[in-house]
């Protein structure tokens, strides 16, 4: 269950509540009793640590992992003798269904 933080617009009281996602938001302040309690937008209260998939796949801006990036052929690499150059896959290069 997520932890939601609320603040009262009248008295400024702040408090965290453990609630289910489907629970109705609280509206009455637990400190002053006025119906001016509102849910705040806050950052998640946890941090992923270790060497899990999130560290290897998304740590470098969401791109390919470092191992996969080094295996990819370079754009300016010349094809081996006897090999044809592959199309870039774009329209007009023979890589799409219309050509």
N, C-alpha and C. Protein backbone atom coordinates (compact mmCIF):
# COMPACT_ATOMS: atom_id res chain seq x y z
N UNK A 1 0.84 -1.19 0.00
CA UNK A 1 0.00 0.00 0.00
C UNK A 1 0.88 1.25 0.00
N UNK A 2 0.52 2.23 -0.81
CA UNK A 2 1.31 3.46 -0.84
C UNK A 2 1.07 4.36 0.36
N UNK A 3 2.05 5.21 0.60
CA UNK A 3 1.95 6.20 1.67
C UNK A 3 1.64 7.54 1.02
N UNK A 4 0.56 8.16 1.45
CA UNK A 4 0.15 9.46 0.92
C UNK A 4 0.39 10.53 1.97
N UNK A 5 0.84 11.69 1.54
CA UNK A 5 1.07 12.80 2.46
C UNK A 5 -0.02 13.86 2.24
N UNK A 6 -0.56 14.34 3.33
CA UNK A 6 -1.63 15.35 3.29
C UNK A 6 -1.18 16.60 4.03
N UNK A 7 -1.76 17.74 3.61
CA UNK A 7 -1.51 19.02 4.28
C UNK A 7 -2.83 19.77 4.42
N UNK A 8 -2.98 20.40 5.58
CA UNK A 8 -4.18 21.20 5.84
C UNK A 8 -3.93 22.62 5.35
N UNK A 9 -4.85 23.13 4.55
CA UNK A 9 -4.74 24.50 4.04
C UNK A 9 -5.02 25.54 5.12
N UNK A 10 -5.74 25.16 6.17
CA UNK A 10 -6.07 26.10 7.24
C UNK A 10 -4.95 26.26 8.26
N UNK A 11 -4.50 25.14 8.83
CA UNK A 11 -3.51 25.23 9.92
C UNK A 11 -2.09 24.82 9.49
N UNK A 12 -1.92 24.25 8.30
CA UNK A 12 -0.60 23.88 7.82
C UNK A 12 -0.10 22.53 8.32
N UNK A 13 -0.92 21.79 9.05
CA UNK A 13 -0.53 20.47 9.57
C UNK A 13 -0.28 19.50 8.42
N UNK A 14 0.83 18.76 8.52
CA UNK A 14 1.16 17.75 7.52
C UNK A 14 1.22 16.39 8.19
N UNK A 15 0.72 15.35 7.48
CA UNK A 15 0.73 14.01 8.03
C UNK A 15 0.72 12.98 6.90
N UNK A 16 1.36 11.83 7.14
CA UNK A 16 1.39 10.74 6.17
C UNK A 16 0.40 9.67 6.59
N UNK A 17 -0.24 9.04 5.59
CA UNK A 17 -1.21 7.98 5.84
C UNK A 17 -0.94 6.83 4.89
N UNK A 18 -1.02 5.61 5.41
CA UNK A 18 -0.91 4.41 4.62
C UNK A 18 -2.31 4.06 4.15
N UNK A 19 -2.55 4.16 2.81
CA UNK A 19 -3.88 3.94 2.27
C UNK A 19 -3.81 3.05 1.05
N UNK A 20 -4.91 2.37 0.77
CA UNK A 20 -5.02 1.62 -0.47
C UNK A 20 -5.21 2.60 -1.62
N UNK A 21 -4.85 2.18 -2.82
CA UNK A 21 -4.97 3.05 -3.99
C UNK A 21 -6.43 3.45 -4.21
N UNK A 22 -7.35 2.54 -3.97
CA UNK A 22 -8.77 2.81 -4.21
C UNK A 22 -9.48 3.54 -3.09
N UNK A 23 -8.80 3.79 -1.97
CA UNK A 23 -9.43 4.51 -0.85
C UNK A 23 -9.71 5.96 -1.23
N UNK A 24 -10.81 6.49 -0.70
CA UNK A 24 -11.15 7.89 -0.93
C UNK A 24 -10.14 8.78 -0.21
N UNK A 25 -9.77 9.92 -0.82
CA UNK A 25 -8.82 10.82 -0.16
C UNK A 25 -9.43 11.42 1.11
N UNK A 26 -8.57 11.65 2.10
CA UNK A 26 -9.01 12.26 3.35
C UNK A 26 -9.26 13.75 3.13
N UNK A 27 -10.24 14.31 3.79
CA UNK A 27 -10.56 15.73 3.61
C UNK A 27 -10.59 16.51 4.92
N UNK A 28 -10.76 15.83 6.04
CA UNK A 28 -10.86 16.51 7.34
C UNK A 28 -9.51 16.42 8.05
N UNK A 29 -8.98 17.57 8.44
CA UNK A 29 -7.68 17.65 9.12
C UNK A 29 -7.77 16.97 10.48
N UNK A 30 -6.75 16.17 10.79
CA UNK A 30 -6.72 15.46 12.08
C UNK A 30 -6.30 16.39 13.22
N UNK A 31 -5.77 17.55 12.91
CA UNK A 31 -5.30 18.50 13.93
C UNK A 31 -6.39 19.53 14.29
N UNK A 32 -6.92 20.22 13.27
CA UNK A 32 -7.88 21.30 13.55
C UNK A 32 -9.33 20.91 13.25
N UNK A 33 -9.56 19.79 12.54
CA UNK A 33 -10.92 19.32 12.27
C UNK A 33 -11.61 19.99 11.11
N UNK A 34 -10.94 20.92 10.42
CA UNK A 34 -11.56 21.61 9.28
C UNK A 34 -11.44 20.74 8.02
N UNK A 35 -12.41 20.88 7.10
CA UNK A 35 -12.40 20.07 5.88
C UNK A 35 -11.47 20.64 4.79
N UNK A 36 -10.25 20.97 5.17
CA UNK A 36 -9.32 21.57 4.21
C UNK A 36 -8.04 20.72 4.05
N UNK A 37 -8.16 19.42 4.28
CA UNK A 37 -7.04 18.49 4.11
C UNK A 37 -6.93 18.15 2.63
N UNK A 38 -5.75 18.25 2.06
CA UNK A 38 -5.57 17.89 0.65
C UNK A 38 -4.31 17.04 0.47
N UNK A 39 -4.39 16.15 -0.51
CA UNK A 39 -3.28 15.23 -0.79
C UNK A 39 -2.17 16.00 -1.51
N UNK A 40 -0.93 15.75 -1.07
CA UNK A 40 0.23 16.41 -1.68
C UNK A 40 0.87 15.47 -2.71
N UNK A 41 1.55 16.04 -3.67
CA UNK A 41 2.32 15.26 -4.63
C UNK A 41 3.75 15.21 -4.11
N UNK A 42 4.22 14.02 -3.78
CA UNK A 42 5.55 13.86 -3.22
C UNK A 42 6.31 12.78 -3.96
N UNK A 43 7.62 12.74 -3.77
CA UNK A 43 8.47 11.72 -4.39
C UNK A 43 8.30 10.39 -3.68
N UNK A 44 8.62 9.32 -4.39
CA UNK A 44 8.53 7.99 -3.79
C UNK A 44 9.52 7.87 -2.65
N UNK A 45 9.16 7.15 -1.62
CA UNK A 45 9.99 7.02 -0.44
C UNK A 45 10.89 5.81 -0.44
N UNK A 46 11.37 5.38 -1.61
CA UNK A 46 12.28 4.25 -1.63
C UNK A 46 13.32 4.46 -2.72
N UNK A 47 14.42 3.72 -2.63
CA UNK A 47 15.49 3.82 -3.62
C UNK A 47 15.93 2.42 -3.97
N UNK A 48 16.03 2.14 -5.26
CA UNK A 48 16.46 0.82 -5.70
C UNK A 48 17.98 0.75 -5.62
N UNK A 49 18.50 -0.31 -5.00
CA UNK A 49 19.94 -0.47 -4.84
C UNK A 49 20.34 -1.86 -5.32
N UNK A 50 21.59 -2.01 -5.67
CA UNK A 50 22.09 -3.31 -6.07
C UNK A 50 22.35 -3.37 -7.57
N UNK A 51 22.42 -4.59 -8.09
CA UNK A 51 22.77 -4.77 -9.50
C UNK A 51 21.63 -5.41 -10.27
N UNK A 52 20.41 -5.06 -9.96
CA UNK A 52 19.24 -5.63 -10.63
C UNK A 52 19.07 -5.11 -12.04
N UNK A 53 18.02 -5.52 -12.72
CA UNK A 53 17.77 -5.16 -14.11
C UNK A 53 17.67 -3.65 -14.31
N UNK A 54 17.12 -2.93 -13.31
CA UNK A 54 16.95 -1.48 -13.45
C UNK A 54 18.30 -0.78 -13.54
N UNK A 55 19.32 -1.31 -12.89
CA UNK A 55 20.64 -0.68 -12.91
C UNK A 55 21.33 -0.92 -14.24
N UNK A 56 21.16 -2.10 -14.81
CA UNK A 56 21.85 -2.41 -16.06
C UNK A 56 21.09 -1.90 -17.28
N UNK A 57 19.78 -1.86 -17.24
CA UNK A 57 19.01 -1.48 -18.41
C UNK A 57 18.59 -0.02 -18.46
N UNK A 58 18.42 0.62 -17.33
CA UNK A 58 17.89 1.98 -17.33
C UNK A 58 18.79 3.01 -16.68
N UNK A 59 19.91 2.63 -16.13
CA UNK A 59 20.76 3.56 -15.42
C UNK A 59 21.38 4.60 -16.35
N UNK A 60 21.63 4.24 -17.60
CA UNK A 60 22.27 5.15 -18.57
C UNK A 60 21.24 5.86 -19.44
N UNK A 61 20.21 6.38 -18.87
CA UNK A 61 19.25 7.18 -19.61
C UNK A 61 18.22 6.38 -20.37
N UNK A 62 18.02 5.11 -20.04
CA UNK A 62 16.98 4.33 -20.68
C UNK A 62 17.39 3.69 -21.98
N UNK A 63 18.62 3.87 -22.39
CA UNK A 63 19.07 3.28 -23.64
C UNK A 63 19.54 1.86 -23.44
N UNK A 64 20.29 1.38 -24.43
CA UNK A 64 20.84 0.03 -24.35
C UNK A 64 21.88 -0.03 -23.24
N UNK A 65 22.07 -1.22 -22.70
CA UNK A 65 23.09 -1.36 -21.68
C UNK A 65 24.46 -1.24 -22.32
N UNK A 66 25.48 -0.99 -21.51
CA UNK A 66 26.83 -0.76 -22.02
C UNK A 66 27.34 -1.96 -22.80
N UNK A 67 27.02 -3.17 -22.37
CA UNK A 67 27.50 -4.37 -23.06
C UNK A 67 26.87 -4.47 -24.45
N UNK A 68 25.59 -4.20 -24.54
CA UNK A 68 24.91 -4.29 -25.84
C UNK A 68 25.36 -3.17 -26.76
N UNK A 69 25.63 -2.00 -26.24
CA UNK A 69 26.04 -0.88 -27.07
C UNK A 69 27.40 -1.14 -27.71
N UNK A 70 28.30 -1.82 -27.00
CA UNK A 70 29.62 -2.08 -27.55
C UNK A 70 29.57 -3.16 -28.62
N UNK A 71 28.56 -4.02 -28.62
CA UNK A 71 28.43 -5.07 -29.62
C UNK A 71 27.82 -4.56 -30.91
N UNK A 72 27.13 -3.44 -30.89
CA UNK A 72 26.45 -2.92 -32.07
C UNK A 72 27.47 -2.46 -33.11
N UNK A 73 27.22 -2.75 -34.40
CA UNK A 73 28.15 -2.32 -35.44
C UNK A 73 28.12 -0.81 -35.59
N UNK A 74 29.24 -0.24 -35.94
CA UNK A 74 29.33 1.20 -36.12
C UNK A 74 28.75 1.59 -37.47
N UNK A 75 28.17 2.79 -37.55
CA UNK A 75 27.52 3.24 -38.77
C UNK A 75 28.51 3.43 -39.91
N UNK A 76 29.74 3.83 -39.61
CA UNK A 76 30.72 4.08 -40.67
C UNK A 76 31.56 2.85 -41.00
N UNK A 77 31.25 1.69 -40.41
CA UNK A 77 32.01 0.47 -40.67
C UNK A 77 31.71 0.00 -42.09
N UNK A 78 32.76 -0.42 -42.81
CA UNK A 78 32.61 -0.88 -44.18
C UNK A 78 32.27 -2.37 -44.17
N UNK A 79 31.40 -2.82 -45.10
CA UNK A 79 31.08 -4.24 -45.15
C UNK A 79 32.29 -5.04 -45.61
N UNK A 80 32.35 -6.29 -45.15
CA UNK A 80 33.45 -7.17 -45.54
C UNK A 80 33.38 -7.41 -47.05
N UNK A 81 34.50 -7.81 -47.62
CA UNK A 81 34.56 -8.04 -49.06
C UNK A 81 33.55 -9.11 -49.45
N UNK A 82 32.78 -8.83 -50.50
CA UNK A 82 31.78 -9.77 -50.97
C UNK A 82 30.42 -9.58 -50.31
N UNK A 83 30.35 -8.78 -49.26
CA UNK A 83 29.09 -8.51 -48.58
C UNK A 83 28.44 -7.28 -49.16
N UNK A 84 27.12 -7.30 -49.30
CA UNK A 84 26.39 -6.12 -49.76
C UNK A 84 26.05 -5.26 -48.56
N UNK A 85 26.02 -3.96 -48.77
CA UNK A 85 25.65 -3.05 -47.70
C UNK A 85 24.15 -3.16 -47.45
N UNK A 86 23.75 -3.33 -46.19
CA UNK A 86 22.35 -3.45 -45.83
C UNK A 86 21.71 -2.08 -45.86
N UNK A 87 20.40 -2.05 -46.24
CA UNK A 87 19.70 -0.76 -46.26
C UNK A 87 19.46 -0.29 -44.84
N UNK A 88 19.23 1.00 -44.70
CA UNK A 88 19.02 1.59 -43.39
C UNK A 88 17.63 1.28 -42.85
N UNK A 89 16.75 0.71 -43.69
CA UNK A 89 15.43 0.35 -43.21
C UNK A 89 14.40 1.42 -43.42
N UNK A 90 14.80 2.57 -43.91
CA UNK A 90 13.85 3.65 -44.12
C UNK A 90 13.17 3.56 -45.47
N UNK A 91 12.16 4.34 -45.69
CA UNK A 91 11.45 4.37 -46.94
C UNK A 91 12.37 4.87 -48.04
N UNK A 92 12.39 4.21 -49.20
CA UNK A 92 13.25 4.59 -50.29
C UNK A 92 14.52 3.77 -50.32
N UNK A 93 14.83 3.10 -49.25
CA UNK A 93 16.03 2.29 -49.19
C UNK A 93 15.76 0.81 -49.39
N UNK A 94 14.50 0.47 -49.65
CA UNK A 94 14.15 -0.92 -49.84
C UNK A 94 13.84 -1.67 -48.56
N UNK A 95 13.85 -0.98 -47.45
CA UNK A 95 13.63 -1.63 -46.17
C UNK A 95 12.18 -1.57 -45.71
N UNK A 96 11.29 -1.01 -46.50
CA UNK A 96 9.90 -0.93 -46.08
C UNK A 96 9.01 -1.71 -47.04
N UNK A 97 7.76 -1.83 -46.73
CA UNK A 97 6.83 -2.64 -47.51
C UNK A 97 6.42 -1.98 -48.83
N UNK A 98 6.67 -0.69 -48.99
CA UNK A 98 6.21 -0.01 -50.22
C UNK A 98 7.22 -0.13 -51.35
N UNK A 99 8.43 -0.65 -51.14
CA UNK A 99 9.44 -0.80 -52.21
C UNK A 99 9.83 -2.23 -52.37
